[in-house]
C-alpha atoms as a PDB file:
ATOM      1  CA  MET A   1       6.277 -18.844 -37.063  1.00  0.00           C
ATOM      2  CA  GLY A   2       7.255 -20.253 -33.708  1.00  0.00           C
ATOM      3  CA  LEU A   3       6.416 -19.183 -30.218  1.00  0.00           C
ATOM      4  CA  SER A   4       9.132 -17.347 -28.320  1.00  0.00           C
ATOM      5  CA  THR A   5       9.649 -18.379 -24.706  1.00  0.00           C
ATOM      6  CA  PHE A   6      11.410 -15.041 -24.210  1.00  0.00           C
ATOM      7  CA  THR A   7       8.411 -13.007 -25.397  1.00  0.00           C
ATOM      8  CA  ILE A   8       5.958 -15.083 -23.373  1.00  0.00           C
ATOM      9  CA  SER A   9       8.049 -14.960 -20.204  1.00  0.00           C
ATOM     10  CA  LYS A  10       8.565 -11.180 -20.474  1.00  0.00           C
ATOM     11  CA  SER A  11       4.803 -10.741 -20.930  1.00  0.00           C
ATOM     12  CA  LEU A  12       4.133 -12.883 -17.866  1.00  0.00           C
ATOM     13  CA  GLU A  13       6.731 -10.984 -15.835  1.00  0.00           C
ATOM     14  CA  ALA A  14       4.980  -7.751 -16.810  1.00  0.00           C
ATOM     15  CA  LYS A  15       1.783  -9.243 -15.374  1.00  0.00           C
ATOM     16  CA  GLY A  16       3.439  -9.917 -12.014  1.00  0.00           C
ATOM     17  CA  PHE A  17       4.922 -13.400 -12.318  1.00  0.00           C
ATOM     18  CA  THR A  18       8.456 -13.937 -11.073  1.00  0.00           C
ATOM     19  CA  ALA A  19      11.149 -14.557 -13.677  1.00  0.00           C
ATOM     20  CA  GLY A  20      11.322 -18.237 -12.702  1.00  0.00           C
ATOM     21  CA  GLN A  21       7.552 -18.691 -12.866  1.00  0.00           C
ATOM     22  CA  ALA A  22       7.335 -16.853 -16.171  1.00  0.00           C
ATOM     23  CA  GLU A  23      10.111 -18.923 -17.737  1.00  0.00           C
ATOM     24  CA  GLY A  24       8.560 -22.178 -16.510  1.00  0.00           C
ATOM     25  CA  ILE A  25       5.119 -21.292 -17.833  1.00  0.00           C
ATOM     26  CA  ALA A  26       6.538 -20.053 -21.148  1.00  0.00           C
ATOM     27  CA  GLU A  27       8.499 -23.265 -21.652  1.00  0.00           C
ATOM     28  CA  ALA A  28       5.449 -25.381 -20.821  1.00  0.00           C
ATOM     29  CA  VAL A  29       3.260 -23.410 -23.236  1.00  0.00           C
ATOM     30  CA  VAL A  30       5.756 -23.607 -26.091  1.00  0.00           C
ATOM     31  CA  GLU A  31       6.365 -27.322 -25.485  1.00  0.00           C
ATOM     32  CA  SER A  32       2.633 -28.008 -25.448  1.00  0.00           C
ATOM     33  CA  VAL A  33       1.987 -26.047 -28.636  1.00  0.00           C
ATOM     34  CA  GLU A  34       4.937 -27.648 -30.429  1.00  0.00           C
ATOM     35  CA  SER A  35       3.764 -31.158 -29.488  1.00  0.00           C
ATOM     36  CA  GLU A  36       0.272 -30.425 -30.824  1.00  0.00           C
ATOM     37  CA  LYS A  37       1.490 -29.145 -34.212  1.00  0.00           C
ATOM     38  CA  LYS A  38       1.462 -32.665 -35.648  1.00  0.00           C
ATOM     39  CA  ASP A  39      -2.342 -32.639 -35.397  1.00  0.00           C
ATOM     40  CA  LEU A  40      -2.753 -29.381 -37.320  1.00  0.00           C
ATOM     41  CA  VAL A  41      -3.623 -29.247 -41.008  1.00  0.00           C
ATOM     42  CA  THR A  42      -3.001 -26.629 -43.648  1.00  0.00           C
ATOM     43  CA  LYS A  43      -5.729 -24.811 -45.527  1.00  0.00           C
ATOM     44  CA  GLU A  44      -4.565 -26.480 -48.740  1.00  0.00           C
ATOM     45  CA  TYR A  45      -4.886 -29.952 -47.192  1.00  0.00           C
ATOM     46  CA  LEU A  46      -8.321 -29.139 -45.826  1.00  0.00           C
ATOM     47  CA  LYS A  47      -9.492 -27.786 -49.204  1.00  0.00           C
ATOM     48  CA  SER A  48      -8.188 -30.927 -50.896  1.00  0.00           C
ATOM     49  CA  GLU A  49     -10.042 -33.183 -48.461  1.00  0.00           C
ATOM     50  CA  MET A  50     -13.226 -31.127 -48.870  1.00  0.00           C
ATOM     51  CA  THR A  51     -12.994 -31.471 -52.661  1.00  0.00           C
ATOM     52  CA  ILE A  52     -12.667 -35.248 -52.321  1.00  0.00           C
ATOM     53  CA  PHE A  53     -15.605 -35.338 -49.893  1.00  0.00           C
ATOM     54  CA  GLU A  54     -17.763 -33.208 -52.203  1.00  0.00           C
ATOM     55  CA  SER A  55     -16.962 -35.498 -55.123  1.00  0.00           C
ATOM     56  CA  ARG A  56     -17.927 -38.588 -53.129  1.00  0.00           C
ATOM     57  CA  LEU A  57     -21.107 -36.900 -51.933  1.00  0.00           C
ATOM     58  CA  GLU A  58     -22.079 -35.925 -55.488  1.00  0.00           C
ATOM     59  CA  THR A  59     -21.491 -39.500 -56.639  1.00  0.00           C
ATOM     60  CA  GLN A  60     -23.726 -40.827 -53.866  1.00  0.00           C
ATOM     61  CA  MET A  61     -26.416 -38.271 -54.684  1.00  0.00           C
ATOM     62  CA  VAL A  62     -26.425 -39.274 -58.365  1.00  0.00           C
ATOM     63  CA  ALA A  63     -26.681 -42.944 -57.380  1.00  0.00           C
ATOM     64  CA  LEU A  64     -29.601 -42.107 -55.094  1.00  0.00           C
ATOM     65  CA  GLU A  65     -31.343 -40.147 -57.852  1.00  0.00           C
ATOM     66  CA  ILE A  66     -30.948 -43.107 -60.224  1.00  0.00           C
ATOM     67  CA  ARG A  67     -32.444 -45.453 -57.628  1.00  0.00           C
ATOM     68  CA  MET A  68     -35.356 -43.072 -57.074  1.00  0.00           C
ATOM     69  CA  ILE A  69     -36.061 -42.947 -60.816  1.00  0.00           C
ATOM     70  CA  GLN A  70     -35.925 -46.746 -60.994  1.00  0.00           C
ATOM     71  CA  TRP A  71     -38.453 -46.973 -58.157  1.00  0.00           C
ATOM     72  CA  MET A  72     -40.721 -44.439 -59.838  1.00  0.00           C
ATOM     73  CA  VAL A  73     -40.623 -46.355 -63.133  1.00  0.00           C
ATOM     74  CA  SER A  74     -41.281 -49.619 -61.304  1.00  0.00           C
ATOM     75  CA  LEU A  75     -44.255 -48.100 -59.496  1.00  0.00           C
ATOM     76  CA  TYR A  76     -45.611 -46.713 -62.765  1.00  0.00           C
ATOM     77  CA  VAL A  77     -45.295 -50.119 -64.460  1.00  0.00           C
ATOM     78  CA  LEU A  78     -47.028 -51.774 -61.501  1.00  0.00           C
ATOM     79  CA  PHE A  79     -49.801 -49.169 -61.600  1.00  0.00           C
ATOM     80  CA  VAL A  80     -50.321 -49.771 -65.335  1.00  0.00           C
ATOM     81  CA  GLU A  81     -50.510 -53.509 -64.750  1.00  0.00           C
ATOM     82  CA  ILE A  82     -53.011 -53.153 -61.932  1.00  0.00           C
ATOM     83  CA  PHE A  83     -55.130 -50.358 -63.421  1.00  0.00           C
ATOM     84  CA  PRO A  84     -54.756 -50.559 -67.225  1.00  0.00           C
ATOM     85  CA  GLU A  85     -58.094 -48.806 -67.715  1.00  0.00           C
ATOM     86  CA  ASN A  86     -56.737 -45.567 -66.193  1.00  0.00           C
ATOM     87  CA  ILE A  87     -53.982 -45.171 -68.794  1.00  0.00           C
ATOM     88  CA  GLY A  88     -54.706 -43.030 -71.832  1.00  0.00           C
ATOM     89  CA  SER A  89     -58.169 -41.952 -70.717  1.00  0.00           C
END
């Protein structure tokens, strides 16, 4: 679906622009939009990138949970070593 310079210029003429002004503006708008298309992404591409991001995030979260459990176990072991009388009572 491309932009039509004809449709844009006719719309601008209807708003009071001269034919020359309308054509110039329409051409500039279409040229600008066409040059920016290279930076656009499709929904499919965006969904794919989001899936990859979610996967990486989940992996990082699991790694963080493992580290937290390791710290908790280490703290428990340290507590038992320091206060052995408090265990099992």
